[in-house]
C-alpha atoms as a PDB file:
ATOM      1  CA  UNK A   1      46.312  75.588 -65.339  1.00  0.00           C
ATOM      2  CA  UNK A   2      50.049  75.110 -65.860  1.00  0.00           C
ATOM      3  CA  UNK A   3      50.401  74.477 -62.130  1.00  0.00           C
ATOM      4  CA  UNK A   4      47.790  71.698 -62.293  1.00  0.00           C
ATOM      5  CA  UNK A   5      49.562  69.957 -65.190  1.00  0.00           C
ATOM      6  CA  UNK A   6      52.883  70.283 -63.406  1.00  0.00           C
ATOM      7  CA  UNK A   7      51.448  68.706 -60.246  1.00  0.00           C
ATOM      8  CA  UNK A   8      49.847  65.886 -62.232  1.00  0.00           C
ATOM      9  CA  UNK A   9      53.139  65.299 -64.060  1.00  0.00           C
ATOM     10  CA  UNK A  10      55.116  65.182 -60.804  1.00  0.00           C
ATOM     11  CA  UNK A  11      52.580  62.831 -59.251  1.00  0.00           C
ATOM     12  CA  UNK A  12      52.736  60.545 -62.293  1.00  0.00           C
ATOM     13  CA  UNK A  13      56.534  60.444 -62.086  1.00  0.00           C
ATOM     14  CA  UNK A  14      56.468  59.663 -58.379  1.00  0.00           C
ATOM     15  CA  UNK A  15      54.108  56.767 -58.991  1.00  0.00           C
ATOM     16  CA  UNK A  16      55.845  55.444 -62.112  1.00  0.00           C
ATOM     17  CA  UNK A  17      59.501  55.509 -61.061  1.00  0.00           C
ATOM     18  CA  UNK A  18      59.298  52.969 -58.208  1.00  0.00           C
ATOM     19  CA  UNK A  19      57.185  50.655 -60.359  1.00  0.00           C
ATOM     20  CA  UNK A  20      59.616  50.895 -63.257  1.00  0.00           C
ATOM     21  CA  UNK A  21      62.553  50.160 -60.988  1.00  0.00           C
ATOM     22  CA  UNK A  22      60.807  47.088 -59.611  1.00  0.00           C
ATOM     23  CA  UNK A  23      59.795  45.860 -63.048  1.00  0.00           C
ATOM     24  CA  UNK A  24      63.356  46.125 -64.333  1.00  0.00           C
ATOM     25  CA  UNK A  25      64.594  44.095 -61.393  1.00  0.00           C
ATOM     26  CA  UNK A  26      62.281  41.136 -62.070  1.00  0.00           C
ATOM     27  CA  UNK A  27      59.645  39.647 -59.856  1.00  0.00           C
ATOM     28  CA  UNK A  28      60.324  37.770 -56.647  1.00  0.00           C
ATOM     29  CA  UNK A  29      59.039  34.625 -58.355  1.00  0.00           C
ATOM     30  CA  UNK A  30      61.246  35.065 -61.439  1.00  0.00           C
ATOM     31  CA  UNK A  31      64.381  35.714 -59.404  1.00  0.00           C
ATOM     32  CA  UNK A  32      63.691  32.878 -56.969  1.00  0.00           C
ATOM     33  CA  UNK A  33      62.951  30.369 -59.705  1.00  0.00           C
ATOM     34  CA  UNK A  34      66.078  31.471 -61.574  1.00  0.00           C
ATOM     35  CA  UNK A  35      68.236  30.682 -58.533  1.00  0.00           C
ATOM     36  CA  UNK A  36      66.314  27.428 -57.916  1.00  0.00           C
ATOM     37  CA  UNK A  37      67.097  26.343 -61.492  1.00  0.00           C
ATOM     38  CA  UNK A  38      70.654  27.686 -61.825  1.00  0.00           C
ATOM     39  CA  UNK A  39      71.721  26.113 -58.523  1.00  0.00           C
ATOM     40  CA  UNK A  40      69.946  22.885 -59.564  1.00  0.00           C
ATOM     41  CA  UNK A  41      67.748  22.748 -56.459  1.00  0.00           C
ATOM     42  CA  UNK A  42      65.211  20.904 -58.631  1.00  0.00           C
ATOM     43  CA  UNK A  43      67.447  17.827 -58.654  1.00  0.00           C
ATOM     44  CA  UNK A  44      66.385  17.165 -55.049  1.00  0.00           C
ATOM     45  CA  UNK A  45      63.207  19.249 -54.617  1.00  0.00           C
ATOM     46  CA  UNK A  46      59.959  19.923 -56.413  1.00  0.00           C
ATOM     47  CA  UNK A  47      57.602  22.857 -56.267  1.00  0.00           C
ATOM     48  CA  UNK A  48      54.586  21.142 -57.779  1.00  0.00           C
ATOM     49  CA  UNK A  49      52.448  24.261 -57.421  1.00  0.00           C
ATOM     50  CA  UNK A  50      54.755  26.217 -59.761  1.00  0.00           C
ATOM     51  CA  UNK A  51      56.024  23.313 -61.881  1.00  0.00           C
ATOM     52  CA  UNK A  52      55.165  24.948 -65.220  1.00  0.00           C
ATOM     53  CA  UNK A  53      57.201  28.064 -64.411  1.00  0.00           C
ATOM     54  CA  UNK A  54      60.134  25.967 -63.207  1.00  0.00           C
ATOM     55  CA  UNK A  55      60.083  23.763 -66.315  1.00  0.00           C
ATOM     56  CA  UNK A  56      60.063  26.881 -68.511  1.00  0.00           C
ATOM     57  CA  UNK A  57      62.995  28.338 -66.553  1.00  0.00           C
ATOM     58  CA  UNK A  58      64.906  25.055 -66.842  1.00  0.00           C
ATOM     59  CA  UNK A  59      64.384  25.012 -70.611  1.00  0.00           C
ATOM     60  CA  UNK A  60      65.444  28.659 -70.947  1.00  0.00           C
ATOM     61  CA  UNK A  61      68.533  28.108 -68.795  1.00  0.00           C
ATOM     62  CA  UNK A  62      69.542  25.004 -70.755  1.00  0.00           C
ATOM     63  CA  UNK A  63      69.074  26.889 -74.024  1.00  0.00           C
ATOM     64  CA  UNK A  64      71.191  29.802 -72.746  1.00  0.00           C
ATOM     65  CA  UNK A  65      73.984  27.323 -71.986  1.00  0.00           C
ATOM     66  CA  UNK A  66      73.612  25.615 -75.365  1.00  0.00           C
ATOM     67  CA  UNK A  67      72.563  22.269 -73.923  1.00  0.00           C
ATOM     68  CA  UNK A  68      69.424  20.191 -74.094  1.00  0.00           C
ATOM     69  CA  UNK A  69      67.586  18.923 -71.053  1.00  0.00           C
ATOM     70  CA  UNK A  70      67.713  15.171 -70.769  1.00  0.00           C
ATOM     71  CA  UNK A  71      64.377  13.444 -70.377  1.00  0.00           C
ATOM     72  CA  UNK A  72      65.668  11.894 -67.168  1.00  0.00           C
ATOM     73  CA  UNK A  73      66.268  15.383 -65.727  1.00  0.00           C
ATOM     74  CA  UNK A  74      62.586  16.225 -66.062  1.00  0.00           C
ATOM     75  CA  UNK A  75      61.031  12.846 -65.304  1.00  0.00           C
ATOM     76  CA  UNK A  76      63.116  11.799 -62.285  1.00  0.00           C
ATOM     77  CA  UNK A  77      61.238  12.097 -58.981  1.00  0.00           C
ATOM     78  CA  UNK A  78      63.361  14.223 -56.607  1.00  0.00           C
ATOM     79  CA  UNK A  79      63.930  12.814 -53.138  1.00  0.00           C
ATOM     80  CA  UNK A  80      64.172  16.079 -51.212  1.00  0.00           C
ATOM     81  CA  UNK A  81      60.465  16.729 -50.941  1.00  0.00           C
ATOM     82  CA  UNK A  82      58.047  19.257 -52.339  1.00  0.00           C
ATOM     83  CA  UNK A  83      58.395  22.885 -51.261  1.00  0.00           C
ATOM     84  CA  UNK A  84      54.964  24.130 -52.376  1.00  0.00           C
ATOM     85  CA  UNK A  85      53.954  25.082 -48.827  1.00  0.00           C
ATOM     86  CA  UNK A  86      57.305  25.954 -47.245  1.00  0.00           C
ATOM     87  CA  UNK A  87      56.346  29.639 -46.939  1.00  0.00           C
ATOM     88  CA  UNK A  88      53.414  28.779 -44.687  1.00  0.00           C
ATOM     89  CA  UNK A  89      55.691  26.777 -42.417  1.00  0.00           C
ATOM     90  CA  UNK A  90      58.981  28.695 -42.263  1.00  0.00           C
ATOM     91  CA  UNK A  91      60.097  32.319 -42.424  1.00  0.00           C
ATOM     92  CA  UNK A  92      62.998  33.938 -44.264  1.00  0.00           C
ATOM     93  CA  UNK A  93      65.371  33.854 -41.280  1.00  0.00           C
ATOM     94  CA  UNK A  94      64.795  30.136 -40.693  1.00  0.00           C
ATOM     95  CA  UNK A  95      65.204  29.265 -44.379  1.00  0.00           C
ATOM     96  CA  UNK A  96      68.380  31.336 -44.694  1.00  0.00           C
ATOM     97  CA  UNK A  97      69.981  29.675 -41.669  1.00  0.00           C
ATOM     98  CA  UNK A  98      68.878  26.215 -42.774  1.00  0.00           C
ATOM     99  CA  UNK A  99      70.160  26.626 -46.331  1.00  0.00           C
ATOM    100  CA  UNK A 100      73.537  27.868 -45.113  1.00  0.00           C
ATOM    101  CA  UNK A 101      74.083  24.658 -43.106  1.00  0.00           C
ATOM    102  CA  UNK A 102      71.202  22.164 -43.231  1.00  0.00           C
ATOM    103  CA  UNK A 103      72.970  19.330 -41.410  1.00  0.00           C
ATOM    104  CA  UNK A 104      73.221  21.426 -38.244  1.00  0.00           C
ATOM    105  CA  UNK A 105      69.503  22.139 -38.260  1.00  0.00           C
ATOM    106  CA  UNK A 106      68.166  18.683 -37.394  1.00  0.00           C
ATOM    107  CA  UNK A 107      67.061  17.467 -33.980  1.00  0.00           C
ATOM    108  CA  UNK A 108      69.377  15.163 -32.028  1.00  0.00           C
ATOM    109  CA  UNK A 109      67.429  11.898 -32.345  1.00  0.00           C
ATOM    110  CA  UNK A 110      68.537   8.718 -34.170  1.00  0.00           C
ATOM    111  CA  UNK A 111      65.870   9.056 -36.881  1.00  0.00           C
ATOM    112  CA  UNK A 112      66.654  12.739 -37.450  1.00  0.00           C
ATOM    113  CA  UNK A 113      70.423  12.194 -37.400  1.00  0.00           C
ATOM    114  CA  UNK A 114      69.965   9.667 -40.197  1.00  0.00           C
ATOM    115  CA  UNK A 115      68.078  12.253 -42.273  1.00  0.00           C
ATOM    116  CA  UNK A 116      70.687  14.921 -41.537  1.00  0.00           C
ATOM    117  CA  UNK A 117      73.596  12.730 -42.634  1.00  0.00           C
ATOM    118  CA  UNK A 118      72.302  12.069 -46.123  1.00  0.00           C
ATOM    119  CA  UNK A 119      75.204  12.739 -48.468  1.00  0.00           C
ATOM    120  CA  UNK A 120      73.096  14.882 -50.775  1.00  0.00           C
ATOM    121  CA  UNK A 121      72.076  17.333 -48.044  1.00  0.00           C
ATOM    122  CA  UNK A 122      74.281  20.218 -49.089  1.00  0.00           C
ATOM    123  CA  UNK A 123      74.892  23.799 -48.049  1.00  0.00           C
ATOM    124  CA  UNK A 124      73.667  26.483 -50.439  1.00  0.00           C
ATOM    125  CA  UNK A 125      76.502  27.463 -52.739  1.00  0.00           C
ATOM    126  CA  UNK A 126      75.789  30.881 -54.101  1.00  0.00           C
ATOM    127  CA  UNK A 127      76.052  34.543 -53.289  1.00  0.00           C
ATOM    128  CA  UNK A 128      74.162  36.251 -50.478  1.00  0.00           C
ATOM    129  CA  UNK A 129      72.058  38.020 -53.127  1.00  0.00           C
ATOM    130  CA  UNK A 130      71.120  34.669 -54.680  1.00  0.00           C
ATOM    131  CA  UNK A 131      70.267  33.243 -51.269  1.00  0.00           C
ATOM    132  CA  UNK A 132      68.100  36.298 -50.562  1.00  0.00           C
ATOM    133  CA  UNK A 133      66.315  35.900 -53.921  1.00  0.00           C
ATOM    134  CA  UNK A 134      65.719  32.212 -53.264  1.00  0.00           C
ATOM    135  CA  UNK A 135      64.383  32.643 -49.729  1.00  0.00           C
ATOM    136  CA  UNK A 136      62.235  35.643 -50.732  1.00  0.00           C
ATOM    137  CA  UNK A 137      60.530  33.381 -53.265  1.00  0.00           C
ATOM    138  CA  UNK A 138      60.326  30.337 -50.980  1.00  0.00           C
ATOM    139  CA  UNK A 139      58.406  32.254 -48.295  1.00  0.00           C
ATOM    140  CA  UNK A 140      55.744  33.115 -50.896  1.00  0.00           C
ATOM    141  CA  UNK A 141      55.040  29.411 -51.475  1.00  0.00           C
ATOM    142  CA  UNK A 142      51.856  28.774 -49.495  1.00  0.00           C
ATOM    143  CA  UNK A 143      49.920  26.310 -51.638  1.00  0.00           C
ATOM    144  CA  UNK A 144      49.055  23.675 -49.055  1.00  0.00           C
ATOM    145  CA  UNK A 145      50.919  20.787 -47.490  1.00  0.00           C
ATOM    146  CA  UNK A 146      52.567  18.506 -50.048  1.00  0.00           C
ATOM    147  CA  UNK A 147      55.572  17.404 -47.923  1.00  0.00           C
ATOM    148  CA  UNK A 148      56.138  13.755 -47.113  1.00  0.00           C
ATOM    149  CA  UNK A 149      55.135  12.810 -43.553  1.00  0.00           C
ATOM    150  CA  UNK A 150      57.840  12.544 -40.924  1.00  0.00           C
ATOM    151  CA  UNK A 151      60.383  14.938 -42.400  1.00  0.00           C
ATOM    152  CA  UNK A 152      58.930  18.069 -40.788  1.00  0.00           C
ATOM    153  CA  UNK A 153      59.132  16.447 -37.342  1.00  0.00           C
ATOM    154  CA  UNK A 154      62.929  16.411 -37.559  1.00  0.00           C
ATOM    155  CA  UNK A 155      63.516  20.116 -38.166  1.00  0.00           C
ATOM    156  CA  UNK A 156      64.314  22.544 -35.380  1.00  0.00           C
ATOM    157  CA  UNK A 157      61.963  25.476 -34.911  1.00  0.00           C
ATOM    158  CA  UNK A 158      64.705  28.073 -34.258  1.00  0.00           C
END
């Protein structure tokens, strides 16, 4: 009988420890949204499918910094496009490479060069861990196509 309880106890520990470690680390969504907010990706991009979570994270981040969100920060329509379906279109490797240097990732046509040269198209400025958290979340975004037409045609497939 003692042996049975010992085996059950060991099995319970083996099942609980990995789950507890993951729970302490935060979810992929939480970590990705945190980076998206802290690096102010929302100033150029939306994720309409997870807008409520992003707005909550923005409010929490602003509160942690002792500032209030301006109405214009929340109401302004970003010009970088919606990312709600980026995970269905691109993988982690592509996103990582693109975010490290987006201007080098456009096709060599006049229309695409114009898109690539936009002054607000910036390299990701954060740690490798933050970039990993962001891309891990972005590849989970598979809510359907909400991107403006034409933009996708300018991105390299590599």
